[in-house]
Amino acid sequence: MKMAAGVRVTEVVCGIALLAAGWGLIAVLVLHSLFWLVEAAIGLGMARSWLTRYRPRLDIGETIDLVRKGAVIGLAASLTGWLMAGPVLMLRHVDGDLARLGQFSIALQLAMIMVASVQPFFAAALPVLSRSVTRGDPRLVFYGGLTVLAALLGCGALAGLGFLVGPPLVLWLFGPDFALAGDLVGPCLLLGGLILAPTGYGQLLVLGGRRWPGAIASGIGGLVLLVTLPPAVNSWGVYGAVVAAGGAWLARAIILIASAAQQQTAVGSRQAE
């Protein structure tokens, strides 16, 4: 975590320096890619010095298996990315007001920053979860529910704070022209809770060898967003985009939780036999 935090902070500083020097978006994207490569190189060096020496080896069979399994996870990640970016892209065409779009983007980005800050802690639990799945640890049945509870309580508390503090804080930082962004902070933080809530169940599904539910859940969520956002925006304006996004993330969460519950029931039945 120290290494990753150091790399990310350095990237932010360099990115700001590039923009201040007059460089554009392409330069920032290239910088972002380079820093991911730097982080990968440092990580490989740390693994070599801390854990075990390694020698690169290409095994065609293992590579094909990795690509086959990873492609499904990659598809799920791409569809989830659409759920994150889709509300902004669609609002641009449905509403057309760039000022409202910008303020909605600011509030939504705050929620995405919160989600990105929490997700590494879920990722850090994967090694322990993997061993627990291998052992058939009975306590795994509580993991998904606990992550849902923690996500909803934590994001609910932050959203409550966003409703109270968001409007005056945004006004203080950006001025009265950004009042809408302040009003949207609380609702967008609630979206963060829906995004994070099924994370534990998604992890259990992947560790149990089921990768398609994640892709199916995000795909259905994307369809919900496509269908509901235009009429919602026409009825409630920018707030309709938040409602449509909430419905899409809720659909994704329900499918993941239901799939994981089905998997746990099947595992419990096999263990009972």
C-alpha atoms as a PDB file:
ATOM      1  CA  MET A   1       0.000   0.000   0.000  1.00  0.00           C
ATOM      2  CA  LYS A   2       2.865   2.387   0.737  1.00  0.00           C
ATOM      3  CA  MET A   3       4.358   1.734  -2.687  1.00  0.00           C
ATOM      4  CA  ALA A   4       1.014   2.178  -4.489  1.00  0.00           C
ATOM      5  CA  ALA A   5       0.215   5.345  -2.544  1.00  0.00           C
ATOM      6  CA  GLY A   6       3.624   6.784  -3.354  1.00  0.00           C
ATOM      7  CA  VAL A   7       3.241   6.047  -7.061  1.00  0.00           C
ATOM      8  CA  ARG A   8      -0.268   7.516  -7.208  1.00  0.00           C
ATOM      9  CA  VAL A   9       0.714  10.706  -5.376  1.00  0.00           C
ATOM     10  CA  THR A  10       3.727  11.131  -7.655  1.00  0.00           C
ATOM     11  CA  GLU A  11       1.470  10.631 -10.677  1.00  0.00           C
ATOM     12  CA  VAL A  12      -0.938  13.316  -9.456  1.00  0.00           C
ATOM     13  CA  VAL A  13       1.895  15.787  -8.899  1.00  0.00           C
ATOM     14  CA  CYS A  14       3.375  15.093 -12.342  1.00  0.00           C
ATOM     15  CA  GLY A  15      -0.058  15.310 -13.969  1.00  0.00           C
ATOM     16  CA  ILE A  16      -0.758  18.698 -12.400  1.00  0.00           C
ATOM     17  CA  ALA A  17       2.690  19.869 -13.507  1.00  0.00           C
ATOM     18  CA  LEU A  18       1.975  18.752 -17.080  1.00  0.00           C
ATOM     19  CA  LEU A  19      -1.345  20.582 -17.173  1.00  0.00           C
ATOM     20  CA  ALA A  20       0.212  23.709 -15.649  1.00  0.00           C
ATOM     21  CA  ALA A  21       2.877  23.594 -18.358  1.00  0.00           C
ATOM     22  CA  GLY A  22       0.197  23.629 -21.051  1.00  0.00           C
ATOM     23  CA  TRP A  23       0.101  19.959 -22.021  1.00  0.00           C
ATOM     24  CA  GLY A  24      -3.258  18.389 -22.861  1.00  0.00           C
ATOM     25  CA  LEU A  25      -5.352  15.335 -22.124  1.00  0.00           C
ATOM     26  CA  ILE A  26      -3.305  12.962 -24.296  1.00  0.00           C
ATOM     27  CA  ALA A  27      -0.166  13.753 -22.289  1.00  0.00           C
ATOM     28  CA  VAL A  28      -2.005  13.008 -19.037  1.00  0.00           C
ATOM     29  CA  LEU A  29      -3.264   9.687 -20.432  1.00  0.00           C
ATOM     30  CA  VAL A  30       0.241   8.709 -21.527  1.00  0.00           C
ATOM     31  CA  LEU A  31       1.568   9.668 -18.096  1.00  0.00           C
ATOM     32  CA  HIS A  32      -1.128   7.557 -16.442  1.00  0.00           C
ATOM     33  CA  SER A  33      -0.159   4.529 -18.552  1.00  0.00           C
ATOM     34  CA  LEU A  34       3.530   4.993 -17.821  1.00  0.00           C
ATOM     35  CA  PHE A  35       2.937   5.113 -14.097  1.00  0.00           C
ATOM     36  CA  TRP A  36       0.966   1.853 -14.224  1.00  0.00           C
ATOM     37  CA  LEU A  37       3.983   0.274 -15.923  1.00  0.00           C
ATOM     38  CA  VAL A  38       6.274   1.771 -13.267  1.00  0.00           C
ATOM     39  CA  GLU A  39       4.095   0.367 -10.501  1.00  0.00           C
ATOM     40  CA  ALA A  40       4.122  -3.062 -12.155  1.00  0.00           C
ATOM     41  CA  ALA A  41       7.931  -3.025 -12.451  1.00  0.00           C
ATOM     42  CA  ILE A  42       8.355  -1.987  -8.813  1.00  0.00           C
ATOM     43  CA  GLY A  43       5.878  -4.669  -7.740  1.00  0.00           C
ATOM     44  CA  LEU A  44       7.756  -7.383  -9.624  1.00  0.00           C
ATOM     45  CA  GLY A  45      11.007  -6.222  -8.036  1.00  0.00           C
ATOM     46  CA  MET A  46       9.449  -6.308  -4.571  1.00  0.00           C
ATOM     47  CA  ALA A  47       8.103  -9.806  -5.164  1.00  0.00           C
ATOM     48  CA  ARG A  48      11.541 -10.955  -6.273  1.00  0.00           C
ATOM     49  CA  SER A  49      13.363  -9.474  -3.281  1.00  0.00           C
ATOM     50  CA  TRP A  50      10.761 -10.136  -0.565  1.00  0.00           C
ATOM     51  CA  LEU A  51       9.081 -13.395  -1.572  1.00  0.00           C
ATOM     52  CA  THR A  52      10.954 -15.580  -4.041  1.00  0.00           C
ATOM     53  CA  ARG A  53      13.213 -15.361  -7.035  1.00  0.00           C
ATOM     54  CA  TYR A  54      11.429 -16.001 -10.307  1.00  0.00           C
ATOM     55  CA  ARG A  55      12.246 -16.564 -13.936  1.00  0.00           C
ATOM     56  CA  PRO A  56       9.805 -15.612 -16.702  1.00  0.00           C
ATOM     57  CA  ARG A  57       8.389 -18.688 -18.410  1.00  0.00           C
ATOM     58  CA  LEU A  58       5.729 -19.001 -21.098  1.00  0.00           C
ATOM     59  CA  ASP A  59       3.397 -21.976 -20.808  1.00  0.00           C
ATOM     60  CA  ILE A  60       0.999 -21.990 -23.741  1.00  0.00           C
ATOM     61  CA  GLY A  61      -1.638 -24.090 -21.965  1.00  0.00           C
ATOM     62  CA  GLU A  62      -1.637 -21.943 -18.843  1.00  0.00           C
ATOM     63  CA  THR A  63      -1.644 -18.769 -20.936  1.00  0.00           C
ATOM     64  CA  ILE A  64      -4.689 -19.880 -22.920  1.00  0.00           C
ATOM     65  CA  ASP A  65      -6.487 -20.857 -19.706  1.00  0.00           C
ATOM     66  CA  LEU A  66      -5.622 -17.504 -18.140  1.00  0.00           C
ATOM     67  CA  VAL A  67      -6.880 -15.583 -21.179  1.00  0.00           C
ATOM     68  CA  ARG A  68     -10.075 -17.663 -21.331  1.00  0.00           C
ATOM     69  CA  LYS A  69     -10.911 -17.066 -17.678  1.00  0.00           C
ATOM     70  CA  GLY A  70      -9.622 -13.511 -17.603  1.00  0.00           C
ATOM     71  CA  ALA A  71     -11.659 -12.512 -20.652  1.00  0.00           C
ATOM     72  CA  VAL A  72     -14.894 -12.970 -18.705  1.00  0.00           C
ATOM     73  CA  ILE A  73     -13.589 -10.914 -15.792  1.00  0.00           C
ATOM     74  CA  GLY A  74     -12.386  -8.289 -18.270  1.00  0.00           C
ATOM     75  CA  LEU A  75     -15.841  -8.194 -19.851  1.00  0.00           C
ATOM     76  CA  ALA A  76     -17.396  -7.695 -16.424  1.00  0.00           C
ATOM     77  CA  ALA A  77     -14.945  -4.892 -15.655  1.00  0.00           C
ATOM     78  CA  SER A  78     -15.716  -3.192 -18.995  1.00  0.00           C
ATOM     79  CA  LEU A  79     -19.455  -3.348 -18.400  1.00  0.00           C
ATOM     80  CA  THR A  80     -18.964  -2.012 -14.876  1.00  0.00           C
ATOM     81  CA  GLY A  81     -16.917   0.817 -16.361  1.00  0.00           C
ATOM     82  CA  TRP A  82     -19.886   1.660 -18.580  1.00  0.00           C
ATOM     83  CA  LEU A  83     -22.092   1.860 -15.487  1.00  0.00           C
ATOM     84  CA  MET A  84     -19.662   4.397 -14.023  1.00  0.00           C
ATOM     85  CA  ALA A  85     -19.241   6.530 -17.144  1.00  0.00           C
ATOM     86  CA  GLY A  86     -22.633   5.962 -18.760  1.00  0.00           C
ATOM     87  CA  PRO A  87     -24.640   8.476 -16.699  1.00  0.00           C
ATOM     88  CA  VAL A  88     -22.322  11.314 -17.745  1.00  0.00           C
ATOM     89  CA  LEU A  89     -22.157  10.267 -21.405  1.00  0.00           C
ATOM     90  CA  MET A  90     -25.912   9.809 -21.692  1.00  0.00           C
ATOM     91  CA  LEU A  91     -26.776  12.989 -19.785  1.00  0.00           C
ATOM     92  CA  ARG A  92     -24.682  14.913 -22.320  1.00  0.00           C
ATOM     93  CA  HIS A  93     -27.029  13.807 -25.104  1.00  0.00           C
ATOM     94  CA  VAL A  94     -30.322  13.691 -23.213  1.00  0.00           C
ATOM     95  CA  ASP A  95     -30.063  17.023 -21.385  1.00  0.00           C
ATOM     96  CA  GLY A  96     -27.477  18.927 -23.430  1.00  0.00           C
ATOM     97  CA  ASP A  97     -26.734  21.572 -20.790  1.00  0.00           C
ATOM     98  CA  LEU A  98     -22.954  21.457 -20.334  1.00  0.00           C
ATOM     99  CA  ALA A  99     -23.061  23.500 -17.123  1.00  0.00           C
ATOM    100  CA  ARG A 100     -25.398  21.006 -15.427  1.00  0.00           C
ATOM    101  CA  LEU A 101     -23.402  18.137 -16.907  1.00  0.00           C
ATOM    102  CA  GLY A 102     -20.174  19.496 -15.405  1.00  0.00           C
ATOM    103  CA  GLN A 103     -21.691  19.908 -11.964  1.00  0.00           C
ATOM    104  CA  PHE A 104     -23.175  16.401 -12.069  1.00  0.00           C
ATOM    105  CA  SER A 105     -19.755  15.073 -13.105  1.00  0.00           C
ATOM    106  CA  ILE A 106     -18.081  16.770 -10.135  1.00  0.00           C
ATOM    107  CA  ALA A 107     -20.492  15.223  -7.632  1.00  0.00           C
ATOM    108  CA  LEU A 108     -20.332  11.803  -9.292  1.00  0.00           C
ATOM    109  CA  GLN A 109     -16.529  11.934  -9.346  1.00  0.00           C
ATOM    110  CA  LEU A 110     -16.476  12.455  -5.576  1.00  0.00           C
ATOM    111  CA  ALA A 111     -18.465   9.230  -5.197  1.00  0.00           C
ATOM    112  CA  MET A 112     -16.095   7.403  -7.565  1.00  0.00           C
ATOM    113  CA  ILE A 113     -13.090   8.613  -5.545  1.00  0.00           C
ATOM    114  CA  MET A 114     -14.699   7.225  -2.404  1.00  0.00           C
ATOM    115  CA  VAL A 115     -15.343   3.880  -4.137  1.00  0.00           C
ATOM    116  CA  ALA A 116     -11.779   3.732  -5.465  1.00  0.00           C
ATOM    117  CA  SER A 117     -10.467   4.445  -1.951  1.00  0.00           C
ATOM    118  CA  VAL A 118     -12.400   1.539  -0.416  1.00  0.00           C
ATOM    119  CA  GLN A 119     -11.946  -1.132  -3.101  1.00  0.00           C
ATOM    120  CA  PRO A 120      -8.245  -1.833  -2.316  1.00  0.00           C
ATOM    121  CA  PHE A 121      -9.290  -2.967   1.171  1.00  0.00           C
ATOM    122  CA  PHE A 122     -11.633  -5.514  -0.397  1.00  0.00           C
ATOM    123  CA  ALA A 123      -8.794  -6.611  -2.679  1.00  0.00           C
ATOM    124  CA  ALA A 124      -6.507  -7.047   0.323  1.00  0.00           C
ATOM    125  CA  ALA A 125      -8.937  -9.641   1.712  1.00  0.00           C
ATOM    126  CA  LEU A 126      -8.655 -11.899  -1.357  1.00  0.00           C
ATOM    127  CA  PRO A 127      -5.696 -14.035  -0.154  1.00  0.00           C
ATOM    128  CA  VAL A 128      -7.479 -14.830   3.120  1.00  0.00           C
ATOM    129  CA  LEU A 129     -10.749 -15.461   1.298  1.00  0.00           C
ATOM    130  CA  SER A 130      -9.023 -17.785  -1.152  1.00  0.00           C
ATOM    131  CA  ARG A 131      -7.643 -19.922   1.658  1.00  0.00           C
ATOM    132  CA  SER A 132     -11.024 -19.913   3.413  1.00  0.00           C
ATOM    133  CA  VAL A 133     -12.763 -21.077   0.223  1.00  0.00           C
ATOM    134  CA  THR A 134     -10.190 -23.875  -0.188  1.00  0.00           C
ATOM    135  CA  ARG A 135     -10.753 -25.016   3.404  1.00  0.00           C
ATOM    136  CA  GLY A 136     -14.521 -24.709   3.150  1.00  0.00           C
ATOM    137  CA  ASP A 137     -14.586 -22.330   6.116  1.00  0.00           C
ATOM    138  CA  PRO A 138     -18.220 -22.133   7.349  1.00  0.00           C
ATOM    139  CA  ARG A 139     -17.758 -18.483   8.345  1.00  0.00           C
ATOM    140  CA  LEU A 140     -17.723 -17.505   4.667  1.00  0.00           C
ATOM    141  CA  VAL A 141     -21.517 -17.408   4.692  1.00  0.00           C
ATOM    142  CA  PHE A 142     -21.305 -14.234   6.788  1.00  0.00           C
ATOM    143  CA  TYR A 143     -18.701 -12.415   4.684  1.00  0.00           C
ATOM    144  CA  GLY A 144     -20.982 -11.140   1.943  1.00  0.00           C
ATOM    145  CA  GLY A 145     -23.627  -9.910   4.372  1.00  0.00           C
ATOM    146  CA  LEU A 146     -21.040  -8.139   6.507  1.00  0.00           C
ATOM    147  CA  THR A 147     -19.612  -6.327   3.488  1.00  0.00           C
ATOM    148  CA  VAL A 148     -23.097  -5.223   2.451  1.00  0.00           C
ATOM    149  CA  LEU A 149     -23.782  -3.930   5.958  1.00  0.00           C
ATOM    150  CA  ALA A 150     -20.436  -2.135   6.174  1.00  0.00           C
ATOM    151  CA  ALA A 151     -20.846  -0.545   2.725  1.00  0.00           C
ATOM    152  CA  LEU A 152     -24.383   0.653   3.353  1.00  0.00           C
ATOM    153  CA  LEU A 153     -23.674   1.976   6.847  1.00  0.00           C
ATOM    154  CA  GLY A 154     -20.406   3.642   5.875  1.00  0.00           C
ATOM    155  CA  CYS A 155     -21.692   5.184   2.648  1.00  0.00           C
ATOM    156  CA  GLY A 156     -24.985   6.077   4.301  1.00  0.00           C
ATOM    157  CA  ALA A 157     -23.119   8.021   6.984  1.00  0.00           C
ATOM    158  CA  LEU A 158     -20.967   9.753   4.360  1.00  0.00           C
ATOM    159  CA  ALA A 159     -24.043  10.547   2.276  1.00  0.00           C
ATOM    160  CA  GLY A 160     -25.741  12.060   5.314  1.00  0.00           C
ATOM    161  CA  LEU A 161     -22.654  14.190   5.823  1.00  0.00           C
ATOM    162  CA  GLY A 162     -22.751  15.063   2.121  1.00  0.00           C
ATOM    163  CA  PHE A 163     -26.353  16.263   2.375  1.00  0.00           C
ATOM    164  CA  LEU A 164     -25.429  18.493   5.318  1.00  0.00           C
ATOM    165  CA  VAL A 165     -21.938  19.684   4.432  1.00  0.00           C
ATOM    166  CA  GLY A 166     -21.846  19.243   0.643  1.00  0.00           C
ATOM    167  CA  PRO A 167     -23.812  22.349  -0.391  1.00  0.00           C
ATOM    168  CA  PRO A 168     -21.972  24.886   1.821  1.00  0.00           C
ATOM    169  CA  LEU A 169     -18.584  23.258   1.185  1.00  0.00           C
ATOM    170  CA  VAL A 170     -18.969  23.327  -2.594  1.00  0.00           C
ATOM    171  CA  LEU A 171     -20.223  26.910  -2.456  1.00  0.00           C
ATOM    172  CA  TRP A 172     -17.160  27.860  -0.422  1.00  0.00           C
ATOM    173  CA  LEU A 173     -14.764  26.074  -2.769  1.00  0.00           C
ATOM    174  CA  PHE A 174     -16.266  26.906  -6.167  1.00  0.00           C
ATOM    175  CA  GLY A 175     -18.736  29.732  -5.616  1.00  0.00           C
ATOM    176  CA  PRO A 176     -22.514  30.100  -6.029  1.00  0.00           C
ATOM    177  CA  ASP A 177     -22.477  29.013  -9.671  1.00  0.00           C
ATOM    178  CA  PHE A 178     -21.813  25.432  -8.459  1.00  0.00           C
ATOM    179  CA  ALA A 179     -24.781  25.164  -6.084  1.00  0.00           C
ATOM    180  CA  LEU A 180     -26.200  22.215  -8.047  1.00  0.00           C
ATOM    181  CA  ALA A 181     -22.986  20.219  -7.572  1.00  0.00           C
ATOM    182  CA  GLY A 182     -23.249  20.737  -3.808  1.00  0.00           C
ATOM    183  CA  ASP A 183     -26.839  19.510  -3.783  1.00  0.00           C
ATOM    184  CA  LEU A 184     -25.828  16.391  -5.753  1.00  0.00           C
ATOM    185  CA  VAL A 185     -22.993  15.332  -3.419  1.00  0.00           C
ATOM    186  CA  GLY A 186     -25.252  13.460  -0.979  1.00  0.00           C
ATOM    187  CA  PRO A 187     -27.288  11.558  -3.614  1.00  0.00           C
ATOM    188  CA  CYS A 188     -24.121  10.579  -5.517  1.00  0.00           C
ATOM    189  CA  LEU A 189     -22.483   9.274  -2.333  1.00  0.00           C
ATOM    190  CA  LEU A 190     -25.522   7.027  -1.884  1.00  0.00           C
ATOM    191  CA  LEU A 191     -24.666   5.574  -5.294  1.00  0.00           C
ATOM    192  CA  GLY A 192     -21.271   4.651  -3.837  1.00  0.00           C
ATOM    193  CA  GLY A 193     -23.001   2.445  -1.294  1.00  0.00           C
ATOM    194  CA  LEU A 194     -24.852   0.562  -4.044  1.00  0.00           C
ATOM    195  CA  ILE A 195     -21.607   0.118  -5.977  1.00  0.00           C
ATOM    196  CA  LEU A 196     -19.682  -1.290  -3.002  1.00  0.00           C
ATOM    197  CA  ALA A 197     -22.458  -3.323  -1.371  1.00  0.00           C
ATOM    198  CA  PRO A 198     -22.181  -6.524  -3.490  1.00  0.00           C
ATOM    199  CA  THR A 199     -18.366  -6.508  -3.704  1.00  0.00           C
ATOM    200  CA  GLY A 200     -17.946  -9.300  -1.172  1.00  0.00           C
ATOM    201  CA  TYR A 201     -20.470 -11.493  -2.966  1.00  0.00           C
ATOM    202  CA  GLY A 202     -18.720 -10.851  -6.274  1.00  0.00           C
ATOM    203  CA  GLN A 203     -15.417 -11.951  -4.752  1.00  0.00           C
ATOM    204  CA  LEU A 204     -16.961 -15.171  -3.440  1.00  0.00           C
ATOM    205  CA  LEU A 205     -18.413 -15.942  -6.857  1.00  0.00           C
ATOM    206  CA  VAL A 206     -15.056 -15.532  -8.619  1.00  0.00           C
ATOM    207  CA  LEU A 207     -13.198 -17.553  -5.976  1.00  0.00           C
ATOM    208  CA  GLY A 208     -15.855 -20.254  -6.360  1.00  0.00           C
ATOM    209  CA  GLY A 209     -15.088 -20.460 -10.084  1.00  0.00           C
ATOM    210  CA  ARG A 210     -18.152 -18.522 -11.275  1.00  0.00           C
ATOM    211  CA  ARG A 211     -17.113 -15.549 -13.392  1.00  0.00           C
ATOM    212  CA  TRP A 212     -20.142 -15.036 -15.621  1.00  0.00           C
ATOM    213  CA  PRO A 213     -22.541 -13.675 -12.949  1.00  0.00           C
ATOM    214  CA  GLY A 214     -20.388 -10.542 -12.652  1.00  0.00           C
ATOM    215  CA  ALA A 215     -20.559  -9.886 -16.395  1.00  0.00           C
ATOM    216  CA  ILE A 216     -24.287 -10.676 -16.552  1.00  0.00           C
ATOM    217  CA  ALA A 217     -25.056  -8.452 -13.561  1.00  0.00           C
ATOM    218  CA  SER A 218     -23.147  -5.480 -14.966  1.00  0.00           C
ATOM    219  CA  GLY A 219     -24.627  -6.052 -18.426  1.00  0.00           C
ATOM    220  CA  ILE A 220     -28.187  -6.033 -17.104  1.00  0.00           C
ATOM    221  CA  GLY A 221     -27.357  -2.979 -15.005  1.00  0.00           C
ATOM    222  CA  GLY A 222     -26.121  -1.247 -18.165  1.00  0.00           C
ATOM    223  CA  LEU A 223     -29.376  -2.071 -19.958  1.00  0.00           C
ATOM    224  CA  VAL A 224     -31.366  -0.670 -17.020  1.00  0.00           C
ATOM    225  CA  LEU A 225     -29.344   2.537 -17.292  1.00  0.00           C
ATOM    226  CA  LEU A 226     -29.908   2.799 -21.055  1.00  0.00           C
ATOM    227  CA  VAL A 227     -33.656   2.314 -20.721  1.00  0.00           C
ATOM    228  CA  THR A 228     -34.380   4.401 -17.630  1.00  0.00           C
ATOM    229  CA  LEU A 229     -32.048   7.415 -17.842  1.00  0.00           C
ATOM    230  CA  PRO A 230     -33.727   9.331 -20.723  1.00  0.00           C
ATOM    231  CA  PRO A 231     -37.268   9.305 -19.236  1.00  0.00           C
ATOM    232  CA  ALA A 232     -35.906   9.905 -15.730  1.00  0.00           C
ATOM    233  CA  VAL A 233     -33.933  12.973 -16.878  1.00  0.00           C
ATOM    234  CA  ASN A 234     -36.938  14.263 -18.809  1.00  0.00           C
ATOM    235  CA  SER A 235     -39.023  13.980 -15.630  1.00  0.00           C
ATOM    236  CA  TRP A 236     -36.591  15.064 -12.893  1.00  0.00           C
ATOM    237  CA  GLY A 237     -33.689  16.733 -14.663  1.00  0.00           C
ATOM    238  CA  VAL A 238     -30.183  15.965 -13.459  1.00  0.00           C
ATOM    239  CA  TYR A 239     -31.580  14.200 -10.410  1.00  0.00           C
ATOM    240  CA  GLY A 240     -33.161  11.719 -12.811  1.00  0.00           C
ATOM    241  CA  ALA A 241     -29.672  10.665 -13.897  1.00  0.00           C
ATOM    242  CA  VAL A 242     -28.871   9.857 -10.266  1.00  0.00           C
ATOM    243  CA  VAL A 243     -32.100   7.861  -9.934  1.00  0.00           C
ATOM    244  CA  ALA A 244     -31.417   5.904 -13.139  1.00  0.00           C
ATOM    245  CA  ALA A 245     -27.842   5.172 -12.076  1.00  0.00           C
ATOM    246  CA  GLY A 246     -29.113   4.031  -8.690  1.00  0.00           C
ATOM    247  CA  GLY A 247     -31.553   1.640 -10.349  1.00  0.00           C
ATOM    248  CA  ALA A 248     -28.784   0.239 -12.554  1.00  0.00           C
ATOM    249  CA  TRP A 249     -26.391  -0.354  -9.653  1.00  0.00           C
ATOM    250  CA  LEU A 250     -29.226  -1.828  -7.571  1.00  0.00           C
ATOM    251  CA  ALA A 251     -30.043  -4.314 -10.349  1.00  0.00           C
ATOM    252  CA  ARG A 252     -26.384  -5.328 -10.491  1.00  0.00           C
ATOM    253  CA  ALA A 253     -26.229  -5.761  -6.712  1.00  0.00           C
ATOM    254  CA  ILE A 254     -29.375  -7.912  -6.581  1.00  0.00           C
ATOM    255  CA  ILE A 255     -28.118 -10.265  -9.298  1.00  0.00           C
ATOM    256  CA  LEU A 256     -24.686 -10.682  -7.677  1.00  0.00           C
ATOM    257  CA  ILE A 257     -26.156 -11.296  -4.216  1.00  0.00           C
ATOM    258  CA  ALA A 258     -28.724 -13.767  -5.550  1.00  0.00           C
ATOM    259  CA  SER A 259     -26.068 -15.645  -7.543  1.00  0.00           C
ATOM    260  CA  ALA A 260     -23.751 -15.860  -4.532  1.00  0.00           C
ATOM    261  CA  ALA A 261     -26.595 -17.034  -2.295  1.00  0.00           C
ATOM    262  CA  GLN A 262     -27.394 -19.763  -4.812  1.00  0.00           C
ATOM    263  CA  GLN A 263     -23.738 -20.792  -4.857  1.00  0.00           C
ATOM    264  CA  GLN A 264     -23.539 -20.914  -1.050  1.00  0.00           C
ATOM    265  CA  THR A 265     -26.716 -23.010  -0.901  1.00  0.00           C
ATOM    266  CA  ALA A 266     -25.261 -25.484  -3.410  1.00  0.00           C
ATOM    267  CA  VAL A 267     -21.982 -25.694  -1.466  1.00  0.00           C
ATOM    268  CA  GLY A 268     -23.842 -26.209   1.799  1.00  0.00           C
ATOM    269  CA  SER A 269     -25.886 -29.036   0.246  1.00  0.00           C
ATOM    270  CA  ARG A 270     -22.738 -30.794  -1.010  1.00  0.00           C
ATOM    271  CA  GLN A 271     -21.084 -30.473   2.390  1.00  0.00           C
ATOM    272  CA  ALA A 272     -24.193 -31.887   4.108  1.00  0.00           C
ATOM    273  CA  GLU A 273     -24.120 -34.902   1.783  1.00  0.00           C
END
